[in-house]
Amino acid sequence: MVLFTDSLLAGTAFRPPRACTPEQSGAPRCLIEEHPHQLPNLIQARLASIRSVLFPEGGLPVLELRRVSKHFSGIPAVDDVSFTARPGEVTGYLGPNGSGKSTTMKMITGLIEMTLGHILFEGKPIQDDLIGYKRRMGYVPEEPYLYNHLSGAEYLTMVAQLRNLPPRESSERIDGLLRLLSLYDDRHASISGYSKGMRQKILIAAALMHNPQLILLDEPFSGLDVGSALVLRSLIQELAARGKVVLFSSHELDTVERVCSHVVILHRGKLVADDSIERLRSLMELPTLEAIFSQLAVEQDTDSMARQIADLIHA
């Protein structure tokens, strides 16, 4: 298992990494341990104490998680997770089913409370002004919960009113988004008759129409056709290039590798990787994000399991 932190922690006492050469052991963010949950608390404390050095005034990460945990009936779903997402880069948030990704997303959005830890937005705890924080956030949830009795245009108008957007501005944006997302001809049709891809486009439009600074995307490509997926991929990169901070959770590793500059990987609720894809490839000597993910977060022998399933159905 792997946990990547910052190079300024290189002086902290810990057992030398087994999977790194001596030169790599001092490289930025490289710390490899067999049991990351036993990582000394000293290192986490040291990391928190040097945030101001890593991110001086004017360069604070827009979104920061500090030792965040969430317990359900005493069982940790997310366990001591820390990472940052910065303006201008797309951060991929990955993990197997049950790893705590969606729970983390819900804590970041303020839908559920943390058991322990802190989530900060521009250096301030989000609980200090949760409404103000949500005004600057756009969220595409994993499940497309929509009001099916409304039309696409009515739903977006409702969202614009809830966001307190000026009527003329919201009307122009809604009209433009519906056209650009190929929904204009169906704008007055009931959402109940929309395909899964059309519903997903409505969610994306609703999340972006108020020009948020923080964009949270949980499986945003679900149901999209190839053309729409290509548009969304380019849009995510364009938004990051314009200074937005984008946190992107997906099981589509090829897409994550193409879109994201930085990845965070969870396994069993714990952070096992936090680094650039390029550095992960170099340090782990693996060619693709899929290979990296398989080594860090997949416990099964996938080839063996596939053969067992094929043998079973042919028995």
Protein backbone atom coordinates (compact mmCIF):
# COMPACT_ATOMS: atom_id res chain seq x y z
CA MET A 1 0.00 0.00 0.00
CA VAL A 2 1.14 3.53 -0.74
CA LEU A 3 0.61 6.90 0.87
CA PHE A 4 2.08 9.98 -0.76
CA THR A 5 2.73 13.09 1.32
CA ASP A 6 4.99 16.10 0.88
CA SER A 7 8.75 16.25 0.47
CA LEU A 8 9.06 18.60 3.44
CA LEU A 9 8.27 15.57 5.61
CA ALA A 10 11.43 13.80 4.44
CA GLY A 11 13.19 14.61 7.72
CA THR A 12 10.52 12.95 9.85
CA ALA A 13 11.60 9.59 11.24
CA PHE A 14 9.97 6.68 9.47
CA ARG A 15 11.03 3.30 8.11
CA PRO A 16 12.61 3.72 4.64
CA PRO A 17 10.29 2.81 1.76
CA ARG A 18 10.71 -0.71 0.44
CA ALA A 19 9.53 0.03 -3.08
CA CYS A 20 11.66 3.14 -3.64
CA THR A 21 15.32 3.51 -4.36
CA PRO A 22 17.31 5.62 -1.86
CA GLU A 23 17.12 8.51 -4.30
CA GLN A 24 13.35 8.15 -4.65
CA SER A 25 12.75 7.94 -0.92
CA GLY A 26 13.39 11.66 -0.65
CA ALA A 27 11.35 12.54 -3.72
CA PRO A 28 8.29 14.77 -3.28
CA ARG A 29 5.27 13.04 -1.79
CA CYS A 30 6.78 9.57 -1.72
CA LEU A 31 6.16 7.55 1.40
CA ILE A 32 5.47 3.86 1.02
CA GLU A 33 4.45 1.63 3.90
CA GLU A 34 2.89 -1.80 4.06
CA HIS A 35 0.33 -0.57 6.61
CA PRO A 36 -0.58 3.09 6.02
CA HIS A 37 -3.05 3.06 8.93
CA GLN A 38 0.00 2.78 11.21
CA LEU A 39 1.57 5.93 9.82
CA PRO A 40 2.86 7.84 12.87
CA ASN A 41 0.66 10.68 14.05
CA LEU A 42 3.80 12.80 14.14
CA ILE A 43 3.89 12.84 10.35
CA GLN A 44 0.27 13.97 10.06
CA ALA A 45 0.87 16.69 12.66
CA ARG A 46 4.02 17.78 10.86
CA LEU A 47 2.10 17.99 7.59
CA ALA A 48 -0.58 20.21 9.13
CA SER A 49 2.02 22.49 10.71
CA ILE A 50 3.74 23.25 7.41
CA ARG A 51 0.64 24.08 5.36
CA SER A 52 1.52 27.76 5.50
CA VAL A 53 4.95 27.00 4.04
CA LEU A 54 3.59 24.83 1.26
CA PHE A 55 0.81 27.27 0.41
CA PRO A 56 1.75 30.86 1.25
CA GLU A 57 -0.81 33.67 1.28
CA GLY A 58 -2.55 33.91 -2.07
CA GLY A 59 -1.75 30.29 -2.85
CA LEU A 60 -3.96 28.46 -0.32
CA PRO A 61 -5.67 25.41 -1.74
CA VAL A 62 -9.32 26.16 -2.40
CA LEU A 63 -10.40 22.80 -0.92
CA GLU A 64 -8.57 20.97 1.84
CA LEU A 65 -9.43 17.90 3.88
CA ARG A 66 -7.56 17.47 7.17
CA ARG A 67 -7.73 14.08 8.85
CA VAL A 68 -11.39 13.59 7.92
CA SER A 69 -13.23 10.51 9.21
CA LYS A 70 -16.82 9.35 9.03
CA HIS A 71 -18.16 6.52 11.20
CA PHE A 72 -21.48 4.73 10.83
CA SER A 73 -22.48 2.81 13.99
CA GLY A 74 -18.86 3.05 15.08
CA ILE A 75 -17.53 1.57 11.84
CA PRO A 76 -15.25 3.88 9.82
CA ALA A 77 -16.37 4.42 6.22
CA VAL A 78 -13.73 7.15 5.75
CA ASP A 79 -10.69 6.96 8.00
CA ASP A 80 -8.24 9.82 8.58
CA VAL A 81 -8.21 11.16 5.01
CA SER A 82 -6.22 14.29 4.12
CA PHE A 83 -5.70 15.84 0.68
CA THR A 84 -6.00 19.12 -1.18
CA ALA A 85 -7.59 20.13 -4.48
CA ARG A 86 -6.16 23.27 -6.04
CA PRO A 87 -7.31 25.83 -8.62
CA GLY A 88 -6.23 25.08 -12.15
CA GLU A 89 -5.96 21.31 -11.81
CA VAL A 90 -8.37 18.39 -12.09
CA THR A 91 -8.09 16.01 -9.14
CA GLY A 92 -9.28 12.46 -9.72
CA TYR A 93 -10.83 10.76 -6.67
CA LEU A 94 -10.72 7.00 -7.10
CA GLY A 95 -11.45 3.82 -5.20
CA PRO A 96 -13.32 0.51 -5.40
CA ASN A 97 -16.97 0.22 -4.42
CA GLY A 98 -17.29 0.74 -0.68
CA SER A 99 -14.00 2.61 -0.38
CA GLY A 100 -15.62 5.81 0.92
CA LYS A 101 -15.59 7.99 -2.22
CA SER A 102 -19.27 8.92 -2.25
CA THR A 103 -19.28 9.38 1.53
CA THR A 104 -16.38 11.81 1.17
CA MET A 105 -18.19 13.67 -1.59
CA LYS A 106 -21.27 14.03 0.61
CA MET A 107 -19.16 15.42 3.44
CA ILE A 108 -17.51 17.90 1.08
CA THR A 109 -20.91 19.07 -0.16
CA GLY A 110 -22.17 19.43 3.40
CA LEU A 111 -24.90 16.82 2.94
CA ILE A 112 -23.57 14.78 5.87
CA GLU A 113 -21.37 15.78 8.80
CA MET A 114 -17.90 14.50 9.57
CA THR A 115 -17.22 12.38 12.64
CA LEU A 116 -13.69 13.78 12.93
CA GLY A 117 -11.46 16.20 11.07
CA HIS A 118 -11.91 19.41 9.13
CA ILE A 119 -12.90 20.41 5.60
CA LEU A 120 -11.69 23.88 4.64
CA PHE A 121 -12.63 26.15 1.75
CA GLU A 122 -10.11 28.91 1.10
CA GLY A 123 -8.58 28.27 4.50
CA LYS A 124 -11.84 28.42 6.51
CA PRO A 125 -13.95 25.54 7.86
CA ILE A 126 -16.98 25.08 5.63
CA GLN A 127 -19.25 24.92 8.69
CA ASP A 128 -18.44 28.56 9.47
CA ASP A 129 -20.58 29.67 6.51
CA LEU A 130 -22.11 26.59 4.93
CA ILE A 131 -24.63 28.55 2.84
CA GLY A 132 -21.97 30.86 1.47
CA TYR A 133 -19.77 27.85 0.71
CA LYS A 134 -22.55 26.10 -1.18
CA ARG A 135 -23.18 29.22 -3.26
CA ARG A 136 -19.71 28.79 -4.75
CA MET A 137 -19.99 25.05 -5.29
CA GLY A 138 -21.41 23.07 -8.20
CA TYR A 139 -22.22 19.40 -7.64
CA VAL A 140 -23.11 16.60 -10.05
CA PRO A 141 -24.27 13.69 -7.84
CA GLU A 142 -23.84 10.03 -8.69
CA GLU A 143 -27.60 9.46 -8.85
CA PRO A 144 -29.73 11.73 -11.09
CA TYR A 145 -32.40 12.81 -8.58
CA LEU A 146 -34.63 15.20 -10.53
CA TYR A 147 -38.22 16.43 -10.39
CA ASN A 148 -39.68 14.28 -13.15
CA HIS A 149 -42.91 16.29 -13.51
CA LEU A 150 -40.92 19.36 -14.61
CA SER A 151 -39.50 19.97 -18.07
CA GLY A 152 -35.76 20.44 -18.54
CA ALA A 153 -36.20 24.20 -18.94
CA GLU A 154 -38.45 24.42 -15.87
CA TYR A 155 -35.99 22.49 -13.73
CA LEU A 156 -33.08 24.73 -14.72
CA THR A 157 -35.22 27.84 -14.14
CA MET A 158 -36.04 26.58 -10.65
CA VAL A 159 -32.34 26.00 -9.92
CA ALA A 160 -31.48 29.49 -11.21
CA GLN A 161 -34.10 31.02 -8.90
CA LEU A 162 -32.77 29.05 -5.93
CA ARG A 163 -29.31 30.35 -6.83
CA ASN A 164 -30.68 33.93 -6.94
CA LEU A 165 -29.43 34.47 -10.48
CA PRO A 166 -30.86 37.58 -12.20
CA PRO A 167 -33.77 36.55 -14.49
CA ARG A 168 -32.26 37.91 -17.70
CA GLU A 169 -28.85 36.34 -17.01
CA SER A 170 -30.36 32.99 -16.02
CA SER A 171 -32.60 32.93 -19.11
CA GLU A 172 -29.60 33.51 -21.40
CA ARG A 173 -27.53 30.85 -19.67
CA ILE A 174 -30.31 28.28 -19.65
CA ASP A 175 -31.04 28.86 -23.33
CA GLY A 176 -27.34 28.60 -24.20
CA LEU A 177 -26.72 25.49 -22.10
CA LEU A 178 -29.75 23.70 -23.54
CA ARG A 179 -28.57 24.45 -27.07
CA LEU A 180 -24.94 23.52 -26.47
CA LEU A 181 -25.90 20.28 -24.71
CA SER A 182 -28.29 19.30 -27.52
CA LEU A 183 -31.35 19.52 -25.27
CA TYR A 184 -33.04 22.57 -26.77
CA ASP A 185 -35.56 20.69 -28.91
CA ASP A 186 -36.70 18.77 -25.82
CA ARG A 187 -36.62 21.71 -23.40
CA HIS A 188 -40.39 21.69 -22.84
CA ALA A 189 -40.70 17.88 -22.56
CA SER A 190 -41.16 16.28 -19.16
CA ILE A 191 -37.96 14.99 -17.56
CA SER A 192 -39.80 11.71 -16.96
CA GLY A 193 -39.42 11.06 -20.70
CA TYR A 194 -35.71 11.90 -20.83
CA SER A 195 -33.07 9.25 -21.41
CA LYS A 196 -30.37 8.68 -18.77
CA GLY A 197 -27.90 10.72 -20.82
CA MET A 198 -30.33 13.63 -21.15
CA ARG A 199 -30.93 13.61 -17.39
CA GLN A 200 -27.19 13.68 -16.83
CA LYS A 201 -26.86 16.73 -19.07
CA ILE A 202 -29.53 18.52 -17.02
CA LEU A 203 -27.55 17.77 -13.85
CA ILE A 204 -24.36 19.11 -15.43
CA ALA A 205 -26.11 22.30 -16.62
CA ALA A 206 -27.64 22.84 -13.16
CA ALA A 207 -24.25 22.40 -11.48
CA LEU A 208 -22.45 24.90 -13.73
CA MET A 209 -24.96 27.65 -14.54
CA HIS A 210 -23.97 29.85 -11.57
CA ASN A 211 -20.25 29.75 -12.49
CA PRO A 212 -19.02 27.95 -9.33
CA GLN A 213 -15.42 28.10 -8.12
CA LEU A 214 -15.51 24.53 -6.77
CA ILE A 215 -16.88 21.79 -9.05
CA LEU A 216 -17.60 18.32 -7.64
CA LEU A 217 -18.30 15.60 -10.19
CA ASP A 218 -19.40 12.13 -9.02
CA GLU A 219 -19.49 9.77 -12.03
CA PRO A 220 -20.37 12.64 -14.40
CA PHE A 221 -20.02 10.56 -17.60
CA SER A 222 -22.75 8.11 -16.60
CA GLY A 223 -25.18 7.59 -19.48
CA LEU A 224 -23.52 10.06 -21.87
CA ASP A 225 -23.02 9.10 -25.50
CA VAL A 226 -19.55 9.27 -27.04
CA GLY A 227 -19.96 12.77 -28.46
CA SER A 228 -21.33 14.22 -25.22
CA ALA A 229 -18.60 12.48 -23.21
CA LEU A 230 -15.93 14.08 -25.40
CA VAL A 231 -17.53 17.51 -24.89
CA LEU A 232 -17.63 17.00 -21.11
CA ARG A 233 -14.01 15.84 -21.03
CA SER A 234 -12.91 18.99 -22.84
CA LEU A 235 -15.18 21.14 -20.66
CA ILE A 236 -13.62 19.80 -17.45
CA GLN A 237 -10.16 20.65 -18.73
CA GLU A 238 -11.32 24.10 -19.88
CA LEU A 239 -12.86 24.89 -16.50
CA ALA A 240 -9.65 23.90 -14.72
CA ALA A 241 -7.64 26.05 -17.13
CA ARG A 242 -9.85 29.00 -16.12
CA GLY A 243 -8.88 28.59 -12.49
CA LYS A 244 -11.68 26.38 -11.19
CA VAL A 245 -10.93 23.59 -8.77
CA VAL A 246 -12.37 20.31 -10.00
CA LEU A 247 -12.74 17.12 -7.96
CA PHE A 248 -13.72 14.27 -10.24
CA SER A 249 -14.77 10.81 -9.04
CA SER A 250 -15.13 8.02 -11.59
CA HIS A 251 -14.63 4.32 -12.21
CA GLU A 252 -13.60 5.05 -15.81
CA LEU A 253 -9.84 4.97 -15.32
CA ASP A 254 -9.01 5.71 -18.97
CA THR A 255 -11.02 8.93 -18.77
CA VAL A 256 -9.45 9.88 -15.43
CA GLU A 257 -5.99 9.35 -16.90
CA ARG A 258 -6.82 11.61 -19.85
CA VAL A 259 -8.49 14.37 -17.84
CA CYS A 260 -6.78 14.50 -14.44
CA SER A 261 -3.36 15.83 -13.56
CA HIS A 262 -3.54 14.57 -9.98
CA VAL A 263 -5.17 11.52 -8.37
CA VAL A 264 -6.23 10.53 -4.88
CA ILE A 265 -6.94 6.82 -4.30
CA LEU A 266 -8.91 5.36 -1.39
CA HIS A 267 -8.97 1.74 -0.26
CA ARG A 268 -11.14 0.53 2.62
CA GLY A 269 -11.71 4.14 3.64
CA LYS A 270 -8.00 5.00 3.85
CA LEU A 271 -5.82 7.13 1.62
CA VAL A 272 -3.34 4.97 -0.30
CA ALA A 273 -2.17 7.44 -2.97
CA ASP A 274 -2.08 11.21 -3.45
CA ASP A 275 0.14 12.39 -6.27
CA SER A 276 0.37 13.29 -9.95
CA ILE A 277 -0.29 10.45 -12.38
CA GLU A 278 3.12 11.01 -13.95
CA ARG A 279 4.93 10.65 -10.63
CA LEU A 280 2.91 7.58 -9.70
CA ARG A 281 3.88 5.94 -12.98
CA SER A 282 7.53 6.74 -12.35
CA LEU A 283 7.70 5.72 -8.68
CA MET A 284 5.73 2.51 -9.09
CA GLU A 285 7.27 1.66 -12.47
CA LEU A 286 3.84 0.93 -13.94
CA PRO A 287 2.68 2.19 -17.36
CA THR A 288 -0.96 3.09 -16.73
CA LEU A 289 -3.32 4.38 -14.07
CA GLU A 290 -5.24 1.11 -14.36
CA ALA A 291 -2.13 -0.86 -13.41
CA ILE A 292 -1.43 1.51 -10.50
CA PHE A 293 -5.01 1.26 -9.28
CA SER A 294 -4.97 -2.53 -9.52
CA GLN A 295 -1.85 -2.77 -7.38
CA LEU A 296 -3.05 -0.32 -4.73
CA ALA A 297 -6.77 -0.90 -4.43
CA VAL A 298 -7.76 -4.24 -6.00
CA GLU A 299 -7.32 -7.25 -3.75
CA GLN A 300 -8.55 -9.95 -6.12
CA ASP A 301 -6.59 -11.66 -8.87
CA THR A 302 -8.83 -10.33 -11.64
CA ASP A 303 -7.63 -12.75 -14.32
CA SER A 304 -8.13 -15.74 -12.02
CA MET A 305 -11.61 -14.53 -11.05
CA ALA A 306 -12.58 -14.08 -14.70
CA ARG A 307 -11.47 -17.64 -15.48
CA GLN A 308 -13.46 -19.00 -12.52
CA ILE A 309 -16.62 -17.21 -13.69
CA ALA A 310 -16.16 -18.50 -17.26
CA ASP A 311 -15.54 -22.03 -15.97
CA LEU A 312 -18.63 -21.84 -13.78
CA ILE A 313 -21.07 -20.83 -16.52
CA HIS A 314 -19.61 -23.42 -18.89
CA ALA A 315 -19.80 -26.24 -16.33
